[in-house]
Each structure stands twice: as C-alpha cells, then as structure tokens.
Amino acid sequence: MGLFQDAFSRFGRVVMSYAGDIAFLHAACSAAATVILADQEIDEEEIETALKDLSNNPILQKSYSVLKLEQELHEAIARAKSRAGRVENLRFVGAIADRPLEQRQDVFLIAADVADQGGISELEHKALGEIAGVLGVEKAALLGV
C-alpha cells in the first residue's frame, strides 16, 4: 500500500507541475514578498534571489514562465505594503498548509533564501517565524540554527 501511495503522490505532483499549481505559486510569491518587505524596504538582491528560487522550483519551473513568476511576485510585494495585504499574503501561504511537508518546506526555504541576503534581520526572523507557523514547519531546523 505504501509503495502504491508513494507512486500515486509522485504522479499527482507531476500532473500538478504541468497543469499549473496556482495555490503553490501564490504561496511561494507571498512568502517571498512577506520577507522582502519585512523591513519596509525593497532590496533588488532579494527580488533577484526570489525570482531565481521561484524559477528553480520543480513545481513552478514546468508551469510558469519567468515573466509570470515576476508578475506574481510583484503583485505579492504590492499587497505586502499594507497590513491587509500582509494578512492576505499569509492567507495565500496558509492555503498550502495541508500539502506534503516537502512542498511546505520549499515555500519556507524560498522565503529564507530571500531573507538571507546580507544576513537575516530581526524583522525578517519575525516574518519567517510567522511563515513557518502558518506552514507548520520547523523554522530553526530549516535554517540550521
């Protein structure tokens, strides 16, 4: 049963990667945007890191062009400029909370890579903590702290 379930799960991920997993796209971009604007400043290095990580993710890579990833990231950044938008971004992140641990970790690690440009500030640690809480992942373990 375990072998069959594993094969079925892998098949489902492949199908989702080709069909376009919009919930995963929103979660990843929203998590990255939350960290990018944690200090209320937009850093180009953080945006470049986010786009690189988004385009290297196997789920997103097969489904979306770099232009689409950039568009979604900028929309998430625009949302993150207000309190209501930050809450909406966390809702997008939370929408994948029932996904396999690997996918939730991927979203967290995209945000962590963005935060790690020049070192993770206290505000970015706080944002990463919120993201980890919503996703149900271990922040310290994933950051290697």
N, C-alpha and C. Protein backbone atom coordinates (compact mmCIF):
# COMPACT_ATOMS: atom_id res chain seq x y z
N MET A 1 0.83 -1.19 0.00
CA MET A 1 0.00 0.00 0.00
C MET A 1 0.87 1.25 0.00
N GLY A 2 1.94 1.28 0.81
CA GLY A 2 2.81 2.44 0.89
C GLY A 2 3.47 2.76 -0.43
N LEU A 3 3.91 1.72 -1.14
CA LEU A 3 4.56 1.91 -2.44
C LEU A 3 3.58 2.49 -3.45
N PHE A 4 2.37 1.97 -3.45
CA PHE A 4 1.34 2.48 -4.36
C PHE A 4 1.00 3.93 -4.04
N GLN A 5 0.86 4.22 -2.76
CA GLN A 5 0.51 5.58 -2.34
C GLN A 5 1.62 6.55 -2.72
N ASP A 6 2.89 6.14 -2.55
CA ASP A 6 4.03 6.98 -2.91
C ASP A 6 4.03 7.26 -4.42
N ALA A 7 3.82 6.23 -5.21
CA ALA A 7 3.79 6.39 -6.67
C ALA A 7 2.64 7.31 -7.09
N PHE A 8 1.50 7.14 -6.47
CA PHE A 8 0.34 7.99 -6.78
C PHE A 8 0.61 9.44 -6.41
N SER A 9 1.26 9.65 -5.26
CA SER A 9 1.61 11.00 -4.82
C SER A 9 2.57 11.66 -5.80
N ARG A 10 3.59 10.93 -6.24
CA ARG A 10 4.54 11.47 -7.21
C ARG A 10 3.85 11.80 -8.53
N PHE A 11 2.98 10.93 -8.97
CA PHE A 11 2.24 11.17 -10.21
C PHE A 11 1.41 12.45 -10.08
N GLY A 12 0.77 12.62 -8.92
CA GLY A 12 -0.03 13.82 -8.69
C GLY A 12 0.80 15.09 -8.75
N ARG A 13 2.02 15.05 -8.19
CA ARG A 13 2.90 16.22 -8.24
C ARG A 13 3.31 16.54 -9.67
N VAL A 14 3.58 15.50 -10.45
CA VAL A 14 3.96 15.73 -11.86
C VAL A 14 2.80 16.36 -12.61
N VAL A 15 1.60 15.84 -12.42
CA VAL A 15 0.43 16.40 -13.09
C VAL A 15 0.22 17.85 -12.68
N MET A 16 0.35 18.13 -11.37
CA MET A 16 0.16 19.50 -10.88
C MET A 16 1.22 20.43 -11.47
N SER A 17 2.46 19.93 -11.62
CA SER A 17 3.52 20.79 -12.14
C SER A 17 3.25 21.18 -13.58
N TYR A 18 2.65 20.29 -14.35
CA TYR A 18 2.37 20.62 -15.74
C TYR A 18 1.06 21.41 -15.88
N ALA A 19 0.12 21.17 -15.00
CA ALA A 19 -1.18 21.83 -15.09
C ALA A 19 -1.11 23.26 -14.55
N GLY A 20 -0.14 23.54 -13.72
CA GLY A 20 -0.03 24.87 -13.13
C GLY A 20 -0.66 24.89 -11.76
N ASP A 21 0.14 24.90 -10.75
CA ASP A 21 -0.32 24.87 -9.37
C ASP A 21 -0.38 26.31 -8.85
N ILE A 22 -1.50 26.95 -9.08
CA ILE A 22 -1.65 28.37 -8.76
C ILE A 22 -1.57 28.62 -7.25
N ALA A 23 -2.08 27.69 -6.45
CA ALA A 23 -2.01 27.87 -4.99
C ALA A 23 -0.56 27.86 -4.52
N PHE A 24 0.25 26.96 -5.08
CA PHE A 24 1.67 26.90 -4.71
C PHE A 24 2.38 28.17 -5.18
N LEU A 25 2.06 28.63 -6.38
CA LEU A 25 2.64 29.86 -6.92
C LEU A 25 2.33 31.05 -6.00
N HIS A 26 1.08 31.20 -5.61
CA HIS A 26 0.69 32.29 -4.72
C HIS A 26 1.39 32.18 -3.37
N ALA A 27 1.47 30.97 -2.84
CA ALA A 27 2.12 30.77 -1.53
C ALA A 27 3.59 31.15 -1.59
N ALA A 28 4.29 30.67 -2.61
CA ALA A 28 5.72 30.94 -2.72
C ALA A 28 5.99 32.43 -2.92
N CYS A 29 5.25 33.07 -3.79
CA CYS A 29 5.44 34.51 -4.03
C CYS A 29 5.05 35.33 -2.81
N SER A 30 4.00 34.94 -2.14
CA SER A 30 3.55 35.68 -0.95
C SER A 30 4.54 35.54 0.19
N ALA A 31 5.11 34.36 0.37
CA ALA A 31 6.12 34.16 1.42
C ALA A 31 7.35 35.01 1.12
N ALA A 32 7.79 34.99 -0.13
CA ALA A 32 8.96 35.80 -0.51
C ALA A 32 8.68 37.28 -0.30
N ALA A 33 7.51 37.75 -0.70
CA ALA A 33 7.16 39.17 -0.56
C ALA A 33 7.07 39.58 0.90
N THR A 34 6.58 38.69 1.74
CA THR A 34 6.48 38.97 3.17
C THR A 34 7.86 39.28 3.74
N VAL A 35 8.85 38.50 3.32
CA VAL A 35 10.22 38.71 3.81
C VAL A 35 10.86 39.93 3.15
N ILE A 36 10.61 40.11 1.86
CA ILE A 36 11.19 41.26 1.15
C ILE A 36 10.79 42.57 1.82
N LEU A 37 9.54 42.67 2.24
CA LEU A 37 9.06 43.91 2.85
C LEU A 37 9.03 43.88 4.37
N ALA A 38 9.65 42.88 4.98
CA ALA A 38 9.66 42.80 6.45
C ALA A 38 10.27 44.05 7.07
N ASP A 39 11.28 44.60 6.40
CA ASP A 39 11.95 45.80 6.91
C ASP A 39 11.44 47.08 6.23
N GLN A 40 10.34 46.97 5.50
CA GLN A 40 9.70 48.09 4.81
C GLN A 40 10.56 48.67 3.68
N GLU A 41 11.55 47.93 3.23
CA GLU A 41 12.40 48.36 2.11
C GLU A 41 12.44 47.25 1.07
N ILE A 42 12.44 47.65 -0.19
CA ILE A 42 12.54 46.69 -1.28
C ILE A 42 13.98 46.65 -1.76
N ASP A 43 14.61 45.50 -1.60
CA ASP A 43 16.00 45.30 -1.98
C ASP A 43 16.04 44.48 -3.27
N GLU A 44 16.69 45.00 -4.29
CA GLU A 44 16.76 44.32 -5.60
C GLU A 44 17.40 42.94 -5.49
N GLU A 45 18.41 42.80 -4.62
CA GLU A 45 19.04 41.48 -4.44
C GLU A 45 18.05 40.46 -3.93
N GLU A 46 17.16 40.89 -3.04
CA GLU A 46 16.14 39.98 -2.52
C GLU A 46 15.17 39.57 -3.62
N ILE A 47 14.79 40.52 -4.47
CA ILE A 47 13.89 40.21 -5.58
C ILE A 47 14.56 39.23 -6.54
N GLU A 48 15.82 39.47 -6.87
CA GLU A 48 16.55 38.58 -7.77
C GLU A 48 16.65 37.17 -7.19
N THR A 49 16.92 37.08 -5.89
CA THR A 49 17.01 35.77 -5.24
C THR A 49 15.65 35.08 -5.27
N ALA A 50 14.60 35.82 -5.00
CA ALA A 50 13.25 35.24 -5.03
C ALA A 50 12.94 34.70 -6.43
N LEU A 51 13.21 35.48 -7.46
CA LEU A 51 12.92 35.03 -8.82
C LEU A 51 13.76 33.82 -9.21
N LYS A 52 15.01 33.80 -8.77
CA LYS A 52 15.88 32.65 -9.06
C LYS A 52 15.33 31.39 -8.39
N ASP A 53 14.97 31.51 -7.10
CA ASP A 53 14.45 30.35 -6.38
C ASP A 53 13.10 29.90 -6.93
N LEU A 54 12.25 30.86 -7.26
CA LEU A 54 10.94 30.51 -7.84
C LEU A 54 11.12 29.77 -9.16
N SER A 55 12.00 30.27 -10.00
CA SER A 55 12.17 29.65 -11.32
C SER A 55 12.92 28.32 -11.25
N ASN A 56 13.63 28.06 -10.16
CA ASN A 56 14.33 26.79 -9.99
C ASN A 56 13.48 25.73 -9.30
N ASN A 57 12.34 26.12 -8.76
CA ASN A 57 11.47 25.15 -8.09
C ASN A 57 10.83 24.24 -9.13
N PRO A 58 10.90 22.91 -8.95
CA PRO A 58 10.38 22.00 -9.97
C PRO A 58 8.89 22.14 -10.24
N ILE A 59 8.11 22.47 -9.23
CA ILE A 59 6.67 22.63 -9.44
C ILE A 59 6.38 23.85 -10.31
N LEU A 60 7.08 24.95 -10.05
CA LEU A 60 6.84 26.19 -10.78
C LEU A 60 7.56 26.24 -12.12
N GLN A 61 8.73 25.63 -12.18
CA GLN A 61 9.57 25.68 -13.37
C GLN A 61 8.86 25.15 -14.61
N LYS A 62 8.11 24.08 -14.46
CA LYS A 62 7.47 23.44 -15.61
C LYS A 62 6.18 24.13 -16.03
N SER A 63 5.64 24.94 -15.13
CA SER A 63 4.31 25.50 -15.38
C SER A 63 4.29 26.97 -15.75
N TYR A 64 5.28 27.73 -15.29
CA TYR A 64 5.19 29.17 -15.42
C TYR A 64 6.45 29.77 -16.03
N SER A 65 6.25 30.77 -16.85
CA SER A 65 7.39 31.49 -17.43
C SER A 65 7.97 32.42 -16.37
N VAL A 66 9.19 32.86 -16.60
CA VAL A 66 9.82 33.81 -15.69
C VAL A 66 8.99 35.08 -15.61
N LEU A 67 8.39 35.49 -16.72
CA LEU A 67 7.55 36.68 -16.73
C LEU A 67 6.35 36.53 -15.79
N LYS A 68 5.72 35.36 -15.80
CA LYS A 68 4.57 35.11 -14.92
C LYS A 68 5.02 35.10 -13.45
N LEU A 69 6.18 34.48 -13.18
CA LEU A 69 6.70 34.45 -11.81
C LEU A 69 6.98 35.87 -11.32
N GLU A 70 7.59 36.67 -12.19
CA GLU A 70 7.90 38.05 -11.84
C GLU A 70 6.62 38.84 -11.58
N GLN A 71 5.62 38.65 -12.41
CA GLN A 71 4.34 39.35 -12.25
C GLN A 71 3.69 38.98 -10.91
N GLU A 72 3.66 37.70 -10.59
CA GLU A 72 3.04 37.26 -9.34
C GLU A 72 3.81 37.77 -8.12
N LEU A 73 5.15 37.77 -8.23
CA LEU A 73 5.97 38.27 -7.12
C LEU A 73 5.69 39.75 -6.89
N HIS A 74 5.63 40.53 -7.96
CA HIS A 74 5.39 41.97 -7.81
C HIS A 74 3.99 42.25 -7.27
N GLU A 75 3.02 41.42 -7.63
CA GLU A 75 1.67 41.59 -7.06
C GLU A 75 1.69 41.30 -5.56
N ALA A 76 2.44 40.27 -5.16
CA ALA A 76 2.55 39.94 -3.74
C ALA A 76 3.28 41.04 -2.98
N ILE A 77 4.30 41.62 -3.59
CA ILE A 77 5.03 42.74 -2.97
C ILE A 77 4.10 43.94 -2.80
N ALA A 78 3.29 44.22 -3.81
CA ALA A 78 2.33 45.33 -3.72
C ALA A 78 1.35 45.09 -2.57
N ARG A 79 0.90 43.83 -2.42
CA ARG A 79 0.00 43.52 -1.30
C ARG A 79 0.70 43.73 0.03
N ALA A 80 1.97 43.37 0.12
CA ALA A 80 2.72 43.41 1.39
C ALA A 80 2.96 44.82 1.89
N LYS A 81 2.61 45.82 1.12
CA LYS A 81 2.82 47.22 1.54
C LYS A 81 1.76 47.70 2.52
N SER A 82 0.70 46.93 2.70
CA SER A 82 -0.34 47.32 3.66
C SER A 82 -0.58 46.17 4.65
N ARG A 83 -1.17 46.50 5.79
CA ARG A 83 -1.47 45.47 6.79
C ARG A 83 -2.42 44.42 6.22
N ALA A 84 -3.46 44.89 5.56
CA ALA A 84 -4.43 43.96 4.98
C ALA A 84 -3.77 43.06 3.93
N GLY A 85 -2.88 43.64 3.16
CA GLY A 85 -2.18 42.87 2.15
C GLY A 85 -1.24 41.84 2.74
N ARG A 86 -0.58 42.20 3.86
CA ARG A 86 0.30 41.23 4.53
C ARG A 86 -0.51 40.06 5.06
N VAL A 87 -1.68 40.34 5.61
CA VAL A 87 -2.56 39.27 6.09
C VAL A 87 -3.01 38.41 4.91
N GLU A 88 -3.35 39.04 3.80
CA GLU A 88 -3.75 38.29 2.61
C GLU A 88 -2.60 37.40 2.12
N ASN A 89 -1.38 37.92 2.14
CA ASN A 89 -0.23 37.11 1.75
C ASN A 89 -0.09 35.89 2.66
N LEU A 90 -0.27 36.08 3.97
CA LEU A 90 -0.19 34.94 4.88
C LEU A 90 -1.32 33.94 4.63
N ARG A 91 -2.47 34.42 4.20
CA ARG A 91 -3.56 33.51 3.83
C ARG A 91 -3.19 32.68 2.61
N PHE A 92 -2.53 33.32 1.63
CA PHE A 92 -2.06 32.57 0.46
C PHE A 92 -1.06 31.50 0.88
N VAL A 93 -0.18 31.84 1.81
CA VAL A 93 0.79 30.86 2.31
C VAL A 93 0.05 29.73 3.02
N GLY A 94 -0.90 30.09 3.86
CA GLY A 94 -1.67 29.09 4.61
C GLY A 94 -2.53 28.18 3.74
N ALA A 95 -2.80 28.60 2.53
CA ALA A 95 -3.64 27.79 1.64
C ALA A 95 -2.98 26.47 1.26
N ILE A 96 -1.67 26.36 1.47
CA ILE A 96 -1.00 25.08 1.16
C ILE A 96 -0.61 24.33 2.44
N ALA A 97 -1.16 24.72 3.57
CA ALA A 97 -0.81 24.10 4.86
C ALA A 97 -1.15 22.62 4.92
N ASP A 98 -2.04 22.17 4.08
CA ASP A 98 -2.40 20.74 4.09
C ASP A 98 -1.60 19.93 3.06
N ARG A 99 -0.67 20.57 2.40
CA ARG A 99 0.16 19.90 1.39
C ARG A 99 1.23 19.05 2.07
N PRO A 100 1.91 18.20 1.27
CA PRO A 100 3.02 17.42 1.83
C PRO A 100 4.09 18.33 2.41
N LEU A 101 4.77 17.82 3.44
CA LEU A 101 5.80 18.58 4.14
C LEU A 101 6.84 19.15 3.18
N GLU A 102 7.24 18.39 2.19
CA GLU A 102 8.25 18.83 1.24
C GLU A 102 7.86 20.14 0.54
N GLN A 103 6.60 20.25 0.13
CA GLN A 103 6.14 21.46 -0.54
C GLN A 103 6.11 22.65 0.43
N ARG A 104 5.68 22.41 1.65
CA ARG A 104 5.65 23.49 2.64
C ARG A 104 7.07 23.95 2.97
N GLN A 105 7.99 23.01 3.06
CA GLN A 105 9.37 23.36 3.31
C GLN A 105 9.95 24.16 2.14
N ASP A 106 9.60 23.77 0.90
CA ASP A 106 10.08 24.50 -0.27
C ASP A 106 9.68 25.97 -0.21
N VAL A 107 8.43 26.23 0.14
CA VAL A 107 7.96 27.62 0.23
C VAL A 107 8.71 28.36 1.32
N PHE A 108 8.88 27.73 2.47
CA PHE A 108 9.62 28.38 3.55
C PHE A 108 11.05 28.68 3.13
N LEU A 109 11.70 27.73 2.48
CA LEU A 109 13.11 27.91 2.10
C LEU A 109 13.29 28.98 1.04
N ILE A 110 12.31 29.17 0.17
CA ILE A 110 12.36 30.28 -0.78
C ILE A 110 12.40 31.60 0.01
N ALA A 111 11.51 31.72 0.98
CA ALA A 111 11.48 32.93 1.82
C ALA A 111 12.77 33.08 2.61
N ALA A 112 13.31 31.97 3.12
CA ALA A 112 14.55 32.02 3.90
C ALA A 112 15.73 32.47 3.05
N ASP A 113 15.80 31.98 1.82
CA ASP A 113 16.88 32.42 0.92
C ASP A 113 16.80 33.92 0.65
N VAL A 114 15.59 34.41 0.49
CA VAL A 114 15.40 35.85 0.27
C VAL A 114 15.88 36.63 1.49
N ALA A 115 15.50 36.17 2.66
CA ALA A 115 15.88 36.86 3.90
C ALA A 115 17.38 36.83 4.14
N ASP A 116 18.04 35.82 3.64
CA ASP A 116 19.46 35.62 3.93
C ASP A 116 20.39 36.50 3.10
N GLN A 117 19.86 37.40 2.32
CA GLN A 117 20.69 38.35 1.56
C GLN A 117 21.24 39.38 2.52
N GLY A 118 22.51 39.27 2.87
CA GLY A 118 23.12 40.20 3.80
C GLY A 118 22.87 39.84 5.26
N GLY A 119 22.36 38.66 5.50
CA GLY A 119 22.07 38.25 6.88
C GLY A 119 20.61 38.47 7.20
N ILE A 120 20.08 37.62 8.05
CA ILE A 120 18.66 37.69 8.39
C ILE A 120 18.47 38.65 9.56
N SER A 121 17.73 39.73 9.31
CA SER A 121 17.48 40.73 10.36
C SER A 121 16.42 40.22 11.34
N GLU A 122 16.27 40.94 12.46
CA GLU A 122 15.24 40.57 13.44
C GLU A 122 13.85 40.60 12.83
N LEU A 123 13.58 41.63 12.01
CA LEU A 123 12.26 41.74 11.37
C LEU A 123 12.02 40.58 10.40
N GLU A 124 13.08 40.18 9.70
CA GLU A 124 12.95 39.05 8.77
C GLU A 124 12.78 37.75 9.54
N HIS A 125 13.46 37.60 10.70
CA HIS A 125 13.26 36.43 11.55
C HIS A 125 11.81 36.34 12.01
N LYS A 126 11.25 37.50 12.36
CA LYS A 126 9.85 37.52 12.79
C LYS A 126 8.94 37.08 11.65
N ALA A 127 9.19 37.61 10.44
CA ALA A 127 8.38 37.23 9.28
C ALA A 127 8.53 35.74 8.98
N LEU A 128 9.76 35.24 9.05
CA LEU A 128 9.98 33.81 8.81
C LEU A 128 9.27 32.96 9.87
N GLY A 129 9.23 33.45 11.09
CA GLY A 129 8.51 32.75 12.16
C GLY A 129 7.02 32.65 11.86
N GLU A 130 6.45 33.75 11.38
CA GLU A 130 5.02 33.74 11.01
C GLU A 130 4.77 32.77 9.86
N ILE A 131 5.65 32.79 8.86
CA ILE A 131 5.50 31.90 7.70
C ILE A 131 5.62 30.45 8.15
N ALA A 132 6.62 30.15 8.99
CA ALA A 132 6.80 28.79 9.49
C ALA A 132 5.58 28.33 10.28
N GLY A 133 5.03 29.23 11.09
CA GLY A 133 3.85 28.88 11.87
C GLY A 133 2.65 28.55 11.01
N VAL A 134 2.44 29.35 9.98
CA VAL A 134 1.31 29.12 9.07
C VAL A 134 1.49 27.80 8.30
N LEU A 135 2.73 27.51 7.93
CA LEU A 135 3.01 26.30 7.15
C LEU A 135 3.17 25.05 8.02
N GLY A 136 3.37 25.24 9.31
CA GLY A 136 3.57 24.10 10.18
C GLY A 136 4.92 23.42 9.97
N VAL A 137 5.96 24.23 9.74
CA VAL A 137 7.31 23.69 9.56
C VAL A 137 8.21 24.21 10.69
N GLU A 138 9.33 23.55 10.89
CA GLU A 138 10.27 23.92 11.95
C GLU A 138 11.27 24.94 11.43
N LYS A 139 11.08 26.17 11.80
CA LYS A 139 11.95 27.26 11.33
C LYS A 139 13.41 27.00 11.69
N ALA A 140 13.69 26.70 12.94
CA ALA A 140 15.07 26.52 13.39
C ALA A 140 15.76 25.38 12.64
N ALA A 141 15.05 24.29 12.46
CA ALA A 141 15.64 23.14 11.76
C ALA A 141 15.94 23.48 10.30
N LEU A 142 15.04 24.20 9.65
CA LEU A 142 15.25 24.53 8.24
C LEU A 142 16.31 25.59 8.05
N LEU A 143 16.47 26.47 9.03
CA LEU A 143 17.51 27.48 8.94
C LEU A 143 18.86 26.96 9.41
N GLY A 144 18.85 25.78 10.02
CA GLY A 144 20.08 25.20 10.51
C GLY A 144 20.59 25.88 11.75
N VAL A 145 19.67 26.45 12.53
CA VAL A 145 20.03 27.17 13.75
C VAL A 145 20.15 26.20 14.90
